[in-house]
């Protein structure tokens, strides 16, 4: 039994193994042909994943052994990039959430309309502002004052969120250019 270039040779047969992103184990059983036509059950077990065993009666099987199956470096690199991108995205999400976590979700959903009405009002003092008018009345402000506050907060949010988004995109650019596992690991949030 041996593995060469992703092909398992066992009992006079060759079986092309799936590409893996991490070094794995290949376990092989001889099984009844009614269960598997070629008479073999092959399990590729990745680190941290549960192993598979044949679903037929174990009394009808014979364990032939296991071999180490080394992942191609290109696959390891790609898997590391996918994992690192998930880390970067999670870090970005946490920082973006910190900008808005003091607001209820319904208010957050109103922000685009608030900005639209504020922009319209500042361009035309006769513009319709149903949302801003209701908010201003409840707060004891003029609609114009509220529109200016909305514009100021929107500009501030754009600046802070833009910096966070830009930081994530710059890290992703570095990740795209990484040609080794060490370079991937060096990309940090």
N, C-alpha and C. Protein backbone atom coordinates (compact mmCIF):
# COMPACT_ATOMS: atom_id res chain seq x y z
N UNK A 1 0.86 -1.17 0.00
CA UNK A 1 0.00 0.00 0.00
C UNK A 1 0.91 1.24 0.00
N UNK A 2 0.64 2.18 -0.94
CA UNK A 2 1.43 3.40 -0.98
C UNK A 2 0.61 4.52 -1.63
N UNK A 3 1.07 5.75 -1.38
CA UNK A 3 0.47 6.93 -2.00
C UNK A 3 1.56 7.64 -2.77
N UNK A 4 1.26 7.93 -4.03
CA UNK A 4 2.22 8.66 -4.86
C UNK A 4 1.46 9.69 -5.67
N UNK A 5 1.78 10.96 -5.47
CA UNK A 5 1.16 12.08 -6.20
C UNK A 5 -0.37 12.05 -6.11
N UNK A 6 -0.88 11.75 -4.91
CA UNK A 6 -2.31 11.78 -4.70
C UNK A 6 -3.05 10.54 -5.18
N UNK A 7 -2.31 9.49 -5.52
CA UNK A 7 -2.92 8.24 -5.98
C UNK A 7 -2.54 7.13 -5.02
N UNK A 8 -3.56 6.47 -4.47
CA UNK A 8 -3.37 5.36 -3.56
C UNK A 8 -3.30 4.07 -4.37
N UNK A 9 -2.26 3.28 -4.12
CA UNK A 9 -2.14 1.95 -4.74
C UNK A 9 -2.30 0.92 -3.64
N UNK A 10 -3.29 0.06 -3.80
CA UNK A 10 -3.56 -0.96 -2.80
C UNK A 10 -4.23 -2.16 -3.47
N UNK A 11 -3.80 -3.34 -3.12
CA UNK A 11 -4.39 -4.58 -3.62
C UNK A 11 -4.52 -4.59 -5.14
N UNK A 12 -3.51 -4.08 -5.83
CA UNK A 12 -3.51 -4.08 -7.29
C UNK A 12 -4.41 -3.02 -7.91
N UNK A 13 -4.97 -2.14 -7.11
CA UNK A 13 -5.86 -1.10 -7.61
C UNK A 13 -5.24 0.27 -7.35
N UNK A 14 -5.66 1.24 -8.14
CA UNK A 14 -5.25 2.62 -7.89
C UNK A 14 -6.51 3.46 -7.68
N UNK A 15 -6.43 4.33 -6.68
CA UNK A 15 -7.56 5.19 -6.34
C UNK A 15 -7.04 6.61 -6.22
N UNK A 16 -7.61 7.52 -6.99
CA UNK A 16 -7.22 8.93 -6.89
C UNK A 16 -7.84 9.52 -5.64
N UNK A 17 -7.00 10.06 -4.78
CA UNK A 17 -7.46 10.64 -3.53
C UNK A 17 -7.87 12.10 -3.74
N UNK A 18 -8.78 12.60 -2.91
CA UNK A 18 -9.15 14.01 -3.02
C UNK A 18 -7.98 14.90 -2.60
N UNK A 19 -7.93 16.09 -3.14
CA UNK A 19 -6.91 17.05 -2.72
C UNK A 19 -7.22 17.48 -1.30
N UNK A 20 -6.18 17.61 -0.48
CA UNK A 20 -6.36 18.02 0.91
C UNK A 20 -5.56 19.29 1.18
N UNK A 21 -6.04 20.07 2.14
CA UNK A 21 -5.39 21.33 2.49
C UNK A 21 -4.48 21.21 3.70
N UNK A 22 -4.46 20.05 4.31
CA UNK A 22 -3.59 19.79 5.46
C UNK A 22 -3.16 18.32 5.40
N UNK A 23 -2.03 18.01 6.01
CA UNK A 23 -1.59 16.62 6.05
C UNK A 23 -2.68 15.78 6.69
N UNK A 24 -2.93 14.61 6.12
CA UNK A 24 -4.04 13.77 6.55
C UNK A 24 -3.57 12.33 6.71
N UNK A 25 -4.49 11.50 7.16
CA UNK A 25 -4.27 10.06 7.21
C UNK A 25 -5.23 9.40 6.23
N UNK A 26 -4.76 8.37 5.57
CA UNK A 26 -5.62 7.57 4.70
C UNK A 26 -5.71 6.19 5.33
N UNK A 27 -6.94 5.79 5.66
CA UNK A 27 -7.18 4.48 6.26
C UNK A 27 -7.94 3.63 5.23
N UNK A 28 -7.55 2.37 5.14
CA UNK A 28 -8.11 1.50 4.10
C UNK A 28 -8.60 0.18 4.71
N UNK A 29 -9.79 -0.22 4.28
CA UNK A 29 -10.38 -1.50 4.66
C UNK A 29 -10.73 -2.29 3.40
N UNK A 30 -10.62 -3.58 3.50
CA UNK A 30 -11.19 -4.48 2.49
C UNK A 30 -12.63 -4.72 2.92
N UNK A 31 -13.57 -4.54 2.02
CA UNK A 31 -14.99 -4.67 2.34
C UNK A 31 -15.67 -5.56 1.30
N UNK A 32 -16.87 -6.05 1.60
CA UNK A 32 -17.58 -6.88 0.63
C UNK A 32 -17.91 -6.08 -0.65
N UNK A 33 -17.85 -6.73 -1.79
CA UNK A 33 -18.15 -6.02 -3.05
C UNK A 33 -19.59 -5.51 -3.13
N UNK A 34 -20.48 -6.10 -2.29
CA UNK A 34 -21.86 -5.58 -2.26
C UNK A 34 -21.89 -4.18 -1.64
N UNK A 35 -20.91 -3.91 -0.75
CA UNK A 35 -20.83 -2.60 -0.09
C UNK A 35 -20.09 -1.60 -0.98
N UNK A 36 -18.95 -1.99 -1.49
CA UNK A 36 -18.18 -1.17 -2.42
C UNK A 36 -17.75 -2.05 -3.57
N UNK A 37 -18.08 -1.65 -4.77
CA UNK A 37 -17.82 -2.46 -5.95
C UNK A 37 -16.36 -2.89 -6.07
N UNK A 38 -15.44 -1.98 -5.75
CA UNK A 38 -14.02 -2.32 -5.88
C UNK A 38 -13.49 -3.10 -4.67
N UNK A 39 -14.34 -3.31 -3.65
CA UNK A 39 -13.94 -4.08 -2.49
C UNK A 39 -13.09 -3.32 -1.48
N UNK A 40 -13.01 -1.99 -1.64
CA UNK A 40 -12.19 -1.19 -0.73
C UNK A 40 -12.99 -0.02 -0.17
N UNK A 41 -12.76 0.25 1.10
CA UNK A 41 -13.29 1.45 1.73
C UNK A 41 -12.09 2.29 2.11
N UNK A 42 -12.03 3.52 1.58
CA UNK A 42 -10.91 4.41 1.82
C UNK A 42 -11.43 5.65 2.53
N UNK A 43 -10.82 5.97 3.68
CA UNK A 43 -11.20 7.17 4.43
C UNK A 43 -10.00 8.11 4.49
N UNK A 44 -10.22 9.36 4.11
CA UNK A 44 -9.19 10.40 4.23
C UNK A 44 -9.58 11.23 5.45
N UNK A 45 -8.72 11.22 6.45
CA UNK A 45 -9.04 11.88 7.73
C UNK A 45 -8.14 13.10 7.91
N UNK A 46 -8.76 14.26 7.93
CA UNK A 46 -8.04 15.52 8.14
C UNK A 46 -7.87 15.78 9.64
N UNK A 47 -6.86 16.54 10.02
CA UNK A 47 -6.66 16.85 11.44
C UNK A 47 -7.90 17.49 12.06
N UNK A 48 -8.25 17.02 13.24
CA UNK A 48 -9.40 17.58 13.95
C UNK A 48 -10.74 17.07 13.47
N UNK A 49 -10.76 16.25 12.45
CA UNK A 49 -12.01 15.71 11.93
C UNK A 49 -12.19 14.27 12.41
N UNK A 50 -13.44 13.84 12.58
CA UNK A 50 -13.65 12.45 13.00
C UNK A 50 -13.31 11.49 11.87
N UNK A 51 -12.82 10.34 12.24
CA UNK A 51 -12.51 9.33 11.23
C UNK A 51 -13.76 8.61 10.76
N UNK A 52 -13.69 8.07 9.56
CA UNK A 52 -14.80 7.30 9.02
C UNK A 52 -14.46 5.82 9.12
N UNK A 53 -15.50 5.02 9.21
CA UNK A 53 -15.33 3.57 9.14
C UNK A 53 -16.41 3.04 8.20
N UNK A 54 -16.20 1.86 7.66
CA UNK A 54 -17.23 1.31 6.76
C UNK A 54 -18.56 1.14 7.49
N UNK A 55 -19.65 1.33 6.78
CA UNK A 55 -20.98 1.20 7.38
C UNK A 55 -21.53 -0.22 7.25
N UNK A 56 -20.76 -1.10 6.65
CA UNK A 56 -21.20 -2.49 6.58
C UNK A 56 -20.79 -3.20 7.88
N UNK A 57 -21.11 -4.43 8.01
CA UNK A 57 -20.74 -5.20 9.20
C UNK A 57 -19.22 -5.25 9.30
N UNK A 58 -18.69 -4.84 10.45
CA UNK A 58 -17.24 -4.84 10.64
C UNK A 58 -16.66 -6.26 10.60
N UNK A 59 -17.50 -7.26 10.88
CA UNK A 59 -17.05 -8.65 10.81
C UNK A 59 -16.71 -9.04 9.37
N UNK A 60 -17.28 -8.29 8.41
CA UNK A 60 -17.03 -8.60 6.99
C UNK A 60 -15.89 -7.75 6.42
N UNK A 61 -15.20 -6.99 7.26
CA UNK A 61 -14.13 -6.12 6.78
C UNK A 61 -12.78 -6.61 7.27
N UNK A 62 -11.74 -6.12 6.62
CA UNK A 62 -10.38 -6.33 7.09
C UNK A 62 -9.66 -5.00 6.99
N UNK A 63 -9.12 -4.55 8.13
CA UNK A 63 -8.38 -3.28 8.15
C UNK A 63 -7.02 -3.52 7.51
N UNK A 64 -6.73 -2.79 6.44
CA UNK A 64 -5.48 -2.98 5.71
C UNK A 64 -4.39 -2.04 6.19
N UNK A 65 -4.76 -0.96 6.89
CA UNK A 65 -3.75 -0.06 7.44
C UNK A 65 -4.01 1.39 7.08
N UNK A 66 -3.04 2.22 7.49
CA UNK A 66 -3.14 3.64 7.22
C UNK A 66 -1.81 4.19 6.76
N UNK A 67 -1.90 5.27 5.99
CA UNK A 67 -0.72 5.95 5.48
C UNK A 67 -0.87 7.44 5.72
N UNK A 68 0.26 8.12 5.87
CA UNK A 68 0.24 9.58 5.92
C UNK A 68 0.05 10.09 4.50
N UNK A 69 -0.78 11.11 4.38
CA UNK A 69 -1.05 11.73 3.08
C UNK A 69 -0.72 13.20 3.20
N UNK A 70 0.39 13.58 2.63
CA UNK A 70 0.88 14.96 2.73
C UNK A 70 0.11 15.86 1.76
N UNK A 71 -0.31 16.98 2.28
CA UNK A 71 -0.99 17.97 1.44
C UNK A 71 0.04 18.68 0.58
N UNK A 72 -0.36 19.03 -0.62
CA UNK A 72 0.51 19.83 -1.49
C UNK A 72 0.68 21.21 -0.87
N UNK A 73 1.86 21.78 -0.95
CA UNK A 73 2.12 23.09 -0.36
C UNK A 73 1.14 24.15 -0.86
N UNK A 74 0.78 24.08 -2.13
CA UNK A 74 -0.17 25.07 -2.69
C UNK A 74 -1.52 24.98 -1.98
N UNK A 75 -1.94 23.77 -1.64
CA UNK A 75 -3.22 23.61 -0.95
C UNK A 75 -3.13 24.09 0.49
N UNK A 76 -2.00 23.84 1.14
CA UNK A 76 -1.80 24.34 2.50
C UNK A 76 -1.83 25.86 2.51
N UNK A 77 -1.17 26.47 1.53
CA UNK A 77 -1.13 27.93 1.45
C UNK A 77 -2.53 28.49 1.23
N UNK A 78 -3.28 27.89 0.33
CA UNK A 78 -4.63 28.37 0.06
C UNK A 78 -5.52 28.24 1.29
N UNK A 79 -5.42 27.13 1.99
CA UNK A 79 -6.22 26.93 3.21
C UNK A 79 -5.83 27.94 4.28
N UNK A 80 -4.54 28.22 4.40
CA UNK A 80 -4.08 29.21 5.39
C UNK A 80 -4.61 30.59 5.03
N UNK A 81 -4.66 30.90 3.75
CA UNK A 81 -5.19 32.21 3.32
C UNK A 81 -6.68 32.32 3.63
N UNK A 82 -7.43 31.26 3.42
CA UNK A 82 -8.86 31.27 3.71
C UNK A 82 -9.09 31.47 5.21
N UNK A 83 -8.32 30.76 6.03
CA UNK A 83 -8.46 30.89 7.48
C UNK A 83 -8.06 32.29 7.95
N UNK A 84 -7.00 32.83 7.39
CA UNK A 84 -6.54 34.16 7.79
C UNK A 84 -7.56 35.22 7.37
N UNK A 85 -8.15 35.08 6.20
CA UNK A 85 -9.17 36.04 5.75
C UNK A 85 -10.36 36.02 6.70
N UNK A 86 -10.73 34.86 7.17
CA UNK A 86 -11.83 34.78 8.15
C UNK A 86 -11.46 35.53 9.43
N UNK A 87 -10.21 35.42 9.87
CA UNK A 87 -9.76 36.16 11.05
C UNK A 87 -9.81 37.67 10.80
N UNK A 88 -9.35 38.09 9.64
CA UNK A 88 -9.36 39.51 9.30
C UNK A 88 -10.79 40.05 9.28
N UNK A 89 -11.67 39.30 8.65
CA UNK A 89 -13.08 39.73 8.57
C UNK A 89 -13.71 39.82 9.95
N UNK A 90 -13.39 38.87 10.82
CA UNK A 90 -13.94 38.90 12.18
C UNK A 90 -13.42 40.12 12.95
N UNK A 91 -12.15 40.43 12.80
CA UNK A 91 -11.60 41.62 13.46
C UNK A 91 -12.24 42.89 12.96
N UNK A 92 -12.44 42.97 11.66
CA UNK A 92 -13.09 44.14 11.06
C UNK A 92 -14.51 44.26 11.57
N UNK A 93 -15.22 43.16 11.59
CA UNK A 93 -16.61 43.17 12.05
C UNK A 93 -16.72 43.66 13.49
N UNK A 94 -15.81 43.21 14.34
CA UNK A 94 -15.82 43.65 15.74
C UNK A 94 -15.60 45.15 15.87
N UNK A 95 -14.65 45.68 15.10
CA UNK A 95 -14.38 47.12 15.17
C UNK A 95 -15.54 47.93 14.60
N UNK A 96 -16.15 47.45 13.53
CA UNK A 96 -17.31 48.16 12.97
C UNK A 96 -18.48 48.12 13.94
N UNK A 97 -18.67 46.98 14.59
CA UNK A 97 -19.77 46.87 15.56
C UNK A 97 -19.56 47.82 16.73
N UNK A 98 -18.31 48.05 17.10
CA UNK A 98 -18.02 48.96 18.22
C UNK A 98 -18.48 50.38 17.90
N UNK A 99 -18.54 50.73 16.61
CA UNK A 99 -19.00 52.07 16.23
C UNK A 99 -20.51 52.24 16.42
N UNK A 100 -21.23 51.13 16.40
CA UNK A 100 -22.70 51.22 16.41
C UNK A 100 -23.38 50.47 17.55
N UNK A 101 -22.60 49.86 18.44
CA UNK A 101 -23.23 48.99 19.43
C UNK A 101 -24.05 49.72 20.49
N UNK A 102 -24.01 51.04 20.52
CA UNK A 102 -24.82 51.77 21.50
C UNK A 102 -26.18 52.17 20.92
N UNK A 103 -26.44 51.79 19.68
CA UNK A 103 -27.70 52.15 19.03
C UNK A 103 -28.57 50.91 18.85
N UNK A 104 -29.87 51.04 19.03
CA UNK A 104 -30.75 49.89 18.74
C UNK A 104 -30.81 49.64 17.23
N UNK A 105 -31.07 48.40 16.86
CA UNK A 105 -31.05 48.04 15.44
C UNK A 105 -32.06 48.82 14.61
N UNK A 106 -33.22 49.09 15.18
CA UNK A 106 -34.22 49.87 14.43
C UNK A 106 -33.72 51.27 14.10
N UNK A 107 -33.00 51.87 15.02
CA UNK A 107 -32.44 53.20 14.74
C UNK A 107 -31.36 53.11 13.67
N UNK A 108 -30.53 52.08 13.76
CA UNK A 108 -29.50 51.90 12.73
C UNK A 108 -30.13 51.77 11.35
N UNK A 109 -31.24 51.07 11.28
CA UNK A 109 -31.91 50.89 9.99
C UNK A 109 -32.46 52.20 9.44
N UNK A 110 -32.67 53.18 10.32
CA UNK A 110 -33.20 54.47 9.85
C UNK A 110 -32.11 55.41 9.35
N UNK A 111 -30.85 55.07 9.60
CA UNK A 111 -29.76 55.98 9.23
C UNK A 111 -29.77 56.38 7.76
N UNK A 112 -29.92 55.46 6.82
CA UNK A 112 -29.91 55.90 5.41
C UNK A 112 -31.02 56.93 5.12
N UNK A 113 -32.20 56.71 5.68
CA UNK A 113 -33.29 57.67 5.45
C UNK A 113 -32.98 59.00 6.14
N UNK A 114 -32.42 58.95 7.35
CA UNK A 114 -32.06 60.19 8.03
C UNK A 114 -31.06 60.99 7.20
N UNK A 115 -30.05 60.33 6.68
CA UNK A 115 -29.04 61.02 5.87
C UNK A 115 -29.67 61.56 4.58
N UNK A 116 -30.53 60.77 3.97
CA UNK A 116 -31.19 61.22 2.74
C UNK A 116 -32.04 62.46 3.01
N UNK A 117 -32.82 62.45 4.06
CA UNK A 117 -33.66 63.60 4.38
C UNK A 117 -32.80 64.81 4.78
N UNK A 118 -31.73 64.59 5.54
CA UNK A 118 -30.86 65.70 5.94
C UNK A 118 -30.21 66.34 4.72
N UNK A 119 -29.74 65.53 3.80
CA UNK A 119 -29.13 66.05 2.58
C UNK A 119 -30.15 66.83 1.77
N UNK A 120 -31.34 66.28 1.62
CA UNK A 120 -32.39 66.96 0.85
C UNK A 120 -32.75 68.29 1.50
N UNK A 121 -32.87 68.32 2.83
CA UNK A 121 -33.25 69.55 3.54
C UNK A 121 -32.17 70.62 3.41
N UNK A 122 -30.92 70.23 3.47
CA UNK A 122 -29.84 71.21 3.37
C UNK A 122 -29.73 71.77 1.95
N UNK A 123 -30.20 71.00 0.97
CA UNK A 123 -30.22 71.49 -0.42
C UNK A 123 -31.48 72.30 -0.71
N UNK A 124 -32.59 71.91 -0.05
CA UNK A 124 -33.87 72.60 -0.29
C UNK A 124 -34.62 72.68 1.05
N UNK A 125 -34.70 73.89 1.64
CA UNK A 125 -35.36 74.03 2.94
C UNK A 125 -36.83 73.60 2.95
N UNK A 126 -37.42 73.38 1.78
CA UNK A 126 -38.82 72.96 1.71
C UNK A 126 -38.96 71.45 1.48
N UNK A 127 -37.85 70.73 1.51
CA UNK A 127 -37.88 69.28 1.25
C UNK A 127 -38.70 68.57 2.34
N UNK A 128 -39.30 67.46 1.94
CA UNK A 128 -40.09 66.64 2.87
C UNK A 128 -39.14 65.87 3.78
N UNK A 129 -39.40 65.93 5.09
CA UNK A 129 -38.54 65.26 6.08
C UNK A 129 -39.39 64.58 7.16
N UNK A 130 -40.19 63.58 6.78
CA UNK A 130 -41.08 62.98 7.78
C UNK A 130 -40.34 62.35 8.96
N UNK A 131 -39.27 61.64 8.71
CA UNK A 131 -38.54 60.99 9.80
C UNK A 131 -37.81 62.03 10.65
N UNK A 132 -37.06 62.90 10.01
CA UNK A 132 -36.33 63.92 10.78
C UNK A 132 -37.27 64.84 11.54
N UNK A 133 -38.41 65.17 10.94
CA UNK A 133 -39.37 66.04 11.64
C UNK A 133 -39.88 65.37 12.90
N UNK A 134 -40.19 64.08 12.83
CA UNK A 134 -40.68 63.36 14.01
C UNK A 134 -39.59 63.28 15.09
N UNK A 135 -38.36 63.00 14.67
CA UNK A 135 -37.26 62.93 15.63
C UNK A 135 -37.00 64.29 16.26
N UNK A 136 -36.97 65.34 15.43
CA UNK A 136 -36.71 66.70 15.93
C UNK A 136 -37.79 67.14 16.92
N UNK A 137 -39.05 66.87 16.58
CA UNK A 137 -40.16 67.23 17.49
C UNK A 137 -39.99 66.54 18.84
N UNK A 138 -39.65 65.25 18.82
CA UNK A 138 -39.51 64.50 20.07
C UNK A 138 -38.32 65.00 20.89
N UNK A 139 -37.32 65.53 20.23
CA UNK A 139 -36.12 65.99 20.94
C UNK A 139 -36.16 67.48 21.27
N UNK A 140 -37.15 68.18 20.73
CA UNK A 140 -37.23 69.62 20.96
C UNK A 140 -36.19 70.40 20.17
N UNK A 141 -35.85 69.89 18.98
CA UNK A 141 -34.88 70.55 18.10
C UNK A 141 -35.58 71.06 16.85
N UNK A 142 -34.93 71.95 16.14
CA UNK A 142 -35.44 72.30 14.81
C UNK A 142 -34.98 71.21 13.85
N UNK A 143 -35.71 71.03 12.78
CA UNK A 143 -35.34 70.03 11.78
C UNK A 143 -33.98 70.38 11.18
N UNK A 144 -33.73 71.67 10.98
CA UNK A 144 -32.45 72.11 10.40
C UNK A 144 -31.29 71.73 11.33
N UNK A 145 -31.45 71.97 12.64
CA UNK A 145 -30.39 71.60 13.59
C UNK A 145 -30.16 70.09 13.57
N UNK A 146 -31.23 69.33 13.56
CA UNK A 146 -31.10 67.88 13.53
C UNK A 146 -30.43 67.43 12.23
N UNK A 147 -30.81 68.03 11.11
CA UNK A 147 -30.20 67.66 9.82
C UNK A 147 -28.69 67.91 9.85
N UNK A 148 -28.27 69.00 10.47
CA UNK A 148 -26.84 69.29 10.57
C UNK A 148 -26.14 68.25 11.45
N UNK A 149 -26.79 67.85 12.54
CA UNK A 149 -26.21 66.82 13.41
C UNK A 149 -26.10 65.48 12.68
N UNK A 150 -27.15 65.15 11.94
CA UNK A 150 -27.14 63.90 11.17
C UNK A 150 -25.99 63.93 10.16
N UNK A 151 -25.82 65.03 9.46
CA UNK A 151 -24.73 65.14 8.48
C UNK A 151 -23.37 64.99 9.16
N UNK A 152 -23.22 65.62 10.31
CA UNK A 152 -21.95 65.55 11.04
C UNK A 152 -21.66 64.12 11.50
N UNK A 153 -22.67 63.46 12.06
CA UNK A 153 -22.48 62.07 12.52
C UNK A 153 -22.22 61.13 11.34
N UNK A 154 -22.90 61.36 10.23
CA UNK A 154 -22.70 60.52 9.04
C UNK A 154 -21.27 60.68 8.52
N UNK A 155 -20.77 61.91 8.53
CA UNK A 155 -19.39 62.15 8.08
C UNK A 155 -18.40 61.48 9.03
N UNK A 156 -18.66 61.58 10.33
CA UNK A 156 -17.78 60.93 11.30
C UNK A 156 -17.79 59.42 11.14
N UNK A 157 -18.98 58.85 10.97
CA UNK A 157 -19.08 57.40 10.78
C UNK A 157 -18.35 56.98 9.51
N UNK A 158 -18.51 57.76 8.45
CA UNK A 158 -17.83 57.42 7.19
C UNK A 158 -16.32 57.42 7.38
N UNK A 159 -15.81 58.39 8.13
CA UNK A 159 -14.37 58.47 8.36
C UNK A 159 -13.87 57.27 9.15
N UNK A 160 -14.52 56.99 10.28
CA UNK A 160 -14.07 55.89 11.14
C UNK A 160 -14.28 54.52 10.47
N UNK A 161 -15.45 54.30 9.90
CA UNK A 161 -15.70 53.01 9.27
C UNK A 161 -14.83 52.84 8.03
N UNK A 162 -14.61 53.93 7.31
CA UNK A 162 -13.73 53.85 6.13
C UNK A 162 -12.32 53.45 6.51
N UNK A 163 -11.82 53.98 7.63
CA UNK A 163 -10.47 53.60 8.08
C UNK A 163 -10.42 52.12 8.45
N UNK A 164 -11.46 51.63 9.10
CA UNK A 164 -11.52 50.21 9.48
C UNK A 164 -11.60 49.33 8.23
N UNK A 165 -12.47 49.71 7.32
CA UNK A 165 -12.63 48.93 6.08
C UNK A 165 -11.34 48.96 5.26
N UNK A 166 -10.71 50.13 5.20
CA UNK A 166 -9.44 50.24 4.48
C UNK A 166 -8.36 49.38 5.10
N UNK A 167 -8.32 49.31 6.43
CA UNK A 167 -7.36 48.46 7.13
C UNK A 167 -7.57 47.00 6.75
N UNK A 168 -8.83 46.56 6.70
CA UNK A 168 -9.13 45.17 6.33
C UNK A 168 -8.72 44.90 4.89
N UNK A 169 -9.04 45.85 4.00
CA UNK A 169 -8.71 45.65 2.59
C UNK A 169 -7.20 45.64 2.36
N UNK A 170 -6.46 46.48 3.10
CA UNK A 170 -5.00 46.47 2.99
C UNK A 170 -4.43 45.13 3.45
N UNK A 171 -4.98 44.60 4.54
CA UNK A 171 -4.54 43.29 5.03
C UNK A 171 -4.88 42.20 4.01
N UNK A 172 -6.04 42.30 3.40
CA UNK A 172 -6.42 41.32 2.37
C UNK A 172 -5.48 41.41 1.17
N UNK A 173 -5.07 42.62 0.79
CA UNK A 173 -4.11 42.78 -0.30
C UNK A 173 -2.80 42.07 0.03
N UNK A 174 -2.32 42.24 1.28
CA UNK A 174 -1.10 41.54 1.71
C UNK A 174 -1.29 40.03 1.66
N UNK A 175 -2.45 39.59 2.07
CA UNK A 175 -2.76 38.16 2.07
C UNK A 175 -2.76 37.61 0.64
N UNK A 176 -3.34 38.36 -0.28
CA UNK A 176 -3.36 37.93 -1.69
C UNK A 176 -1.95 37.77 -2.25
N UNK A 177 -1.05 38.62 -1.80
CA UNK A 177 0.33 38.59 -2.31
C UNK A 177 1.21 37.57 -1.60
N UNK A 178 0.75 37.02 -0.48
CA UNK A 178 1.55 36.08 0.30
C UNK A 178 1.87 34.83 -0.51
N UNK A 179 3.14 34.45 -0.50
CA UNK A 179 3.58 33.27 -1.24
C UNK A 179 4.07 32.14 -0.36
N UNK A 180 3.94 32.32 0.96
CA UNK A 180 4.38 31.28 1.88
C UNK A 180 3.50 31.30 3.12
N UNK A 181 3.54 30.22 3.86
CA UNK A 181 2.76 30.15 5.11
C UNK A 181 3.27 31.21 6.10
N UNK A 182 4.55 31.49 6.08
CA UNK A 182 5.11 32.50 6.98
C UNK A 182 4.57 33.88 6.63
N UNK A 183 4.47 34.19 5.34
CA UNK A 183 3.92 35.48 4.92
C UNK A 183 2.44 35.60 5.28
N UNK A 184 1.70 34.51 5.17
CA UNK A 184 0.29 34.52 5.56
C UNK A 184 0.19 34.79 7.06
N UNK A 185 1.00 34.10 7.85
CA UNK A 185 0.96 34.26 9.30
C UNK A 185 1.33 35.68 9.72
N UNK A 186 2.18 36.32 8.94
CA UNK A 186 2.63 37.68 9.28
C UNK A 186 1.52 38.73 9.08
N UNK A 187 0.49 38.40 8.31
CA UNK A 187 -0.61 39.34 8.09
C UNK A 187 -1.46 39.34 9.36
N UNK A 188 -1.59 40.51 9.96
CA UNK A 188 -2.32 40.59 11.23
C UNK A 188 -3.36 41.69 11.19
N UNK A 189 -4.39 41.53 11.98
CA UNK A 189 -5.42 42.56 12.10
C UNK A 189 -4.88 43.64 12.98
